[in-house]
Every structure is written in structure tokens, then in C-alpha cells.
C-alpha atoms as a PDB file:
ATOM      1  CA  UNK A   1       0.000   0.000   0.000  1.00  0.00           C
ATOM      2  CA  UNK A   2       2.922   2.349   0.694  1.00  0.00           C
ATOM      3  CA  UNK A   3       4.152   1.904  -2.878  1.00  0.00           C
ATOM      4  CA  UNK A   4       0.792   2.955  -4.292  1.00  0.00           C
ATOM      5  CA  UNK A   5       0.673   6.034  -2.042  1.00  0.00           C
ATOM      6  CA  UNK A   6       4.248   6.957  -3.018  1.00  0.00           C
ATOM      7  CA  UNK A   7       3.446   6.577  -6.712  1.00  0.00           C
ATOM      8  CA  UNK A   8       0.290   8.642  -6.318  1.00  0.00           C
ATOM      9  CA  UNK A   9       2.236  11.432  -4.558  1.00  0.00           C
ATOM     10  CA  UNK A  10       4.925  11.463  -7.272  1.00  0.00           C
ATOM     11  CA  UNK A  11       2.281  11.655 -10.015  1.00  0.00           C
ATOM     12  CA  UNK A  12       0.529  14.542  -8.273  1.00  0.00           C
ATOM     13  CA  UNK A  13       3.860  16.366  -7.825  1.00  0.00           C
ATOM     14  CA  UNK A  14       4.751  15.881 -11.492  1.00  0.00           C
ATOM     15  CA  UNK A  15       1.327  17.002 -12.651  1.00  0.00           C
ATOM     16  CA  UNK A  16       1.213  20.212 -10.598  1.00  0.00           C
ATOM     17  CA  UNK A  17       4.904  21.190 -10.822  1.00  0.00           C
ATOM     18  CA  UNK A  18       5.876  23.662 -13.543  1.00  0.00           C
ATOM     19  CA  UNK A  19       8.104  22.422 -16.326  1.00  0.00           C
ATOM     20  CA  UNK A  20      11.694  23.266 -15.448  1.00  0.00           C
ATOM     21  CA  UNK A  21      13.869  24.146 -18.420  1.00  0.00           C
ATOM     22  CA  UNK A  22      17.513  25.197 -18.338  1.00  0.00           C
ATOM     23  CA  UNK A  23      18.393  28.761 -19.350  1.00  0.00           C
ATOM     24  CA  UNK A  24      20.835  27.428 -21.913  1.00  0.00           C
ATOM     25  CA  UNK A  25      20.410  24.673 -24.451  1.00  0.00           C
ATOM     26  CA  UNK A  26      22.349  21.692 -23.195  1.00  0.00           C
ATOM     27  CA  UNK A  27      24.434  19.681 -25.642  1.00  0.00           C
ATOM     28  CA  UNK A  28      23.639  16.158 -26.692  1.00  0.00           C
ATOM     29  CA  UNK A  29      24.745  13.592 -24.097  1.00  0.00           C
ATOM     30  CA  UNK A  30      27.002  12.007 -26.716  1.00  0.00           C
ATOM     31  CA  UNK A  31      29.322  15.063 -26.638  1.00  0.00           C
ATOM     32  CA  UNK A  32      32.788  14.385 -25.270  1.00  0.00           C
ATOM     33  CA  UNK A  33      35.888  16.488 -24.719  1.00  0.00           C
ATOM     34  CA  UNK A  34      37.373  15.016 -27.892  1.00  0.00           C
ATOM     35  CA  UNK A  35      34.129  15.504 -29.867  1.00  0.00           C
ATOM     36  CA  UNK A  36      32.368  18.490 -28.251  1.00  0.00           C
ATOM     37  CA  UNK A  37      28.967  19.885 -29.217  1.00  0.00           C
ATOM     38  CA  UNK A  38      28.681  23.536 -30.260  1.00  0.00           C
ATOM     39  CA  UNK A  39      26.561  25.607 -27.836  1.00  0.00           C
ATOM     40  CA  UNK A  40      25.488  29.184 -28.510  1.00  0.00           C
ATOM     41  CA  UNK A  41      25.154  31.521 -25.525  1.00  0.00           C
ATOM     42  CA  UNK A  42      24.250  35.191 -25.474  1.00  0.00           C
ATOM     43  CA  UNK A  43      25.990  37.629 -23.178  1.00  0.00           C
ATOM     44  CA  UNK A  44      25.206  41.268 -22.550  1.00  0.00           C
ATOM     45  CA  UNK A  45      28.218  43.574 -22.453  1.00  0.00           C
ATOM     46  CA  UNK A  46      28.027  47.223 -21.422  1.00  0.00           C
ATOM     47  CA  UNK A  47      30.579  49.497 -23.068  1.00  0.00           C
ATOM     48  CA  UNK A  48      31.364  53.168 -22.524  1.00  0.00           C
ATOM     49  CA  UNK A  49      31.923  55.547 -25.407  1.00  0.00           C
ATOM     50  CA  UNK A  50      33.153  59.086 -25.923  1.00  0.00           C
ATOM     51  CA  UNK A  51      30.363  60.664 -27.984  1.00  0.00           C
ATOM     52  CA  UNK A  52      30.155  64.050 -29.678  1.00  0.00           C
ATOM     53  CA  UNK A  53      28.534  66.090 -32.422  1.00  0.00           C
ATOM     54  CA  UNK A  54      30.615  67.806 -35.097  1.00  0.00           C
ATOM     55  CA  UNK A  55      29.769  71.389 -36.109  1.00  0.00           C
ATOM     56  CA  UNK A  56      27.966  69.978 -39.164  1.00  0.00           C
ATOM     57  CA  UNK A  57      25.585  68.103 -36.837  1.00  0.00           C
ATOM     58  CA  UNK A  58      26.955  64.594 -37.487  1.00  0.00           C
ATOM     59  CA  UNK A  59      27.155  62.226 -34.520  1.00  0.00           C
ATOM     60  CA  UNK A  60      30.324  60.251 -33.701  1.00  0.00           C
ATOM     61  CA  UNK A  61      31.480  57.924 -30.930  1.00  0.00           C
ATOM     62  CA  UNK A  62      34.578  55.943 -29.936  1.00  0.00           C
ATOM     63  CA  UNK A  63      34.651  53.024 -27.525  1.00  0.00           C
ATOM     64  CA  UNK A  64      36.658  53.727 -24.347  1.00  0.00           C
ATOM     65  CA  UNK A  65      37.540  50.086 -23.583  1.00  0.00           C
ATOM     66  CA  UNK A  66      38.645  47.803 -26.391  1.00  0.00           C
ATOM     67  CA  UNK A  67      37.147  44.300 -26.778  1.00  0.00           C
ATOM     68  CA  UNK A  68      40.328  42.582 -25.534  1.00  0.00           C
ATOM     69  CA  UNK A  69      40.321  44.696 -22.362  1.00  0.00           C
ATOM     70  CA  UNK A  70      36.886  43.518 -21.191  1.00  0.00           C
ATOM     71  CA  UNK A  71      36.773  41.161 -18.184  1.00  0.00           C
ATOM     72  CA  UNK A  72      36.044  37.520 -18.978  1.00  0.00           C
ATOM     73  CA  UNK A  73      35.320  36.108 -15.515  1.00  0.00           C
ATOM     74  CA  UNK A  74      32.039  36.953 -13.711  1.00  0.00           C
ATOM     75  CA  UNK A  75      33.849  38.054 -10.531  1.00  0.00           C
ATOM     76  CA  UNK A  76      35.531  40.842 -12.512  1.00  0.00           C
ATOM     77  CA  UNK A  77      32.308  42.451 -13.764  1.00  0.00           C
ATOM     78  CA  UNK A  78      31.275  44.347 -10.597  1.00  0.00           C
END
């Protein structure tokens, strides 16, 4: 009888629980270090620019930090 009650509780939990999906698409389980799967991730990067208007009214800007100078580890992005 305990097995039936346990099964019933698991079915109710599964039915009423929201579907949990990862925030990134996970690779196929067959991927290995020698034969990796390609995964696409999006990252938001904030850059600062020097911006100005020329006397003719045209807008210009130059990035203050070059792409190679941006931090790559999360603990460096404070």
C-alpha cells in the first residue's frame, strides 16, 4: 500500500509542478571532450563611449575600452 501512495504522490507532484527548463540549451549527451557539441550563448556587455557632435551636426562615438580589455570572468564584472 505504501508503494501505491508513493506513486500517487509522485504523479501529483509531477502534474502540478511547472516544467523546469535550463536557461541554456544543453548539448547532446554524446558530446565528449574530444568531440564536443557547439553551444550558442548570449551575453550582454556594457561598453562606454566618448560621444560628440561635429559642427555639421553629425554624430560620432569611440569606444573607451577595447574588446580585448573587457573582463572575462564573472567576478571581474562588478
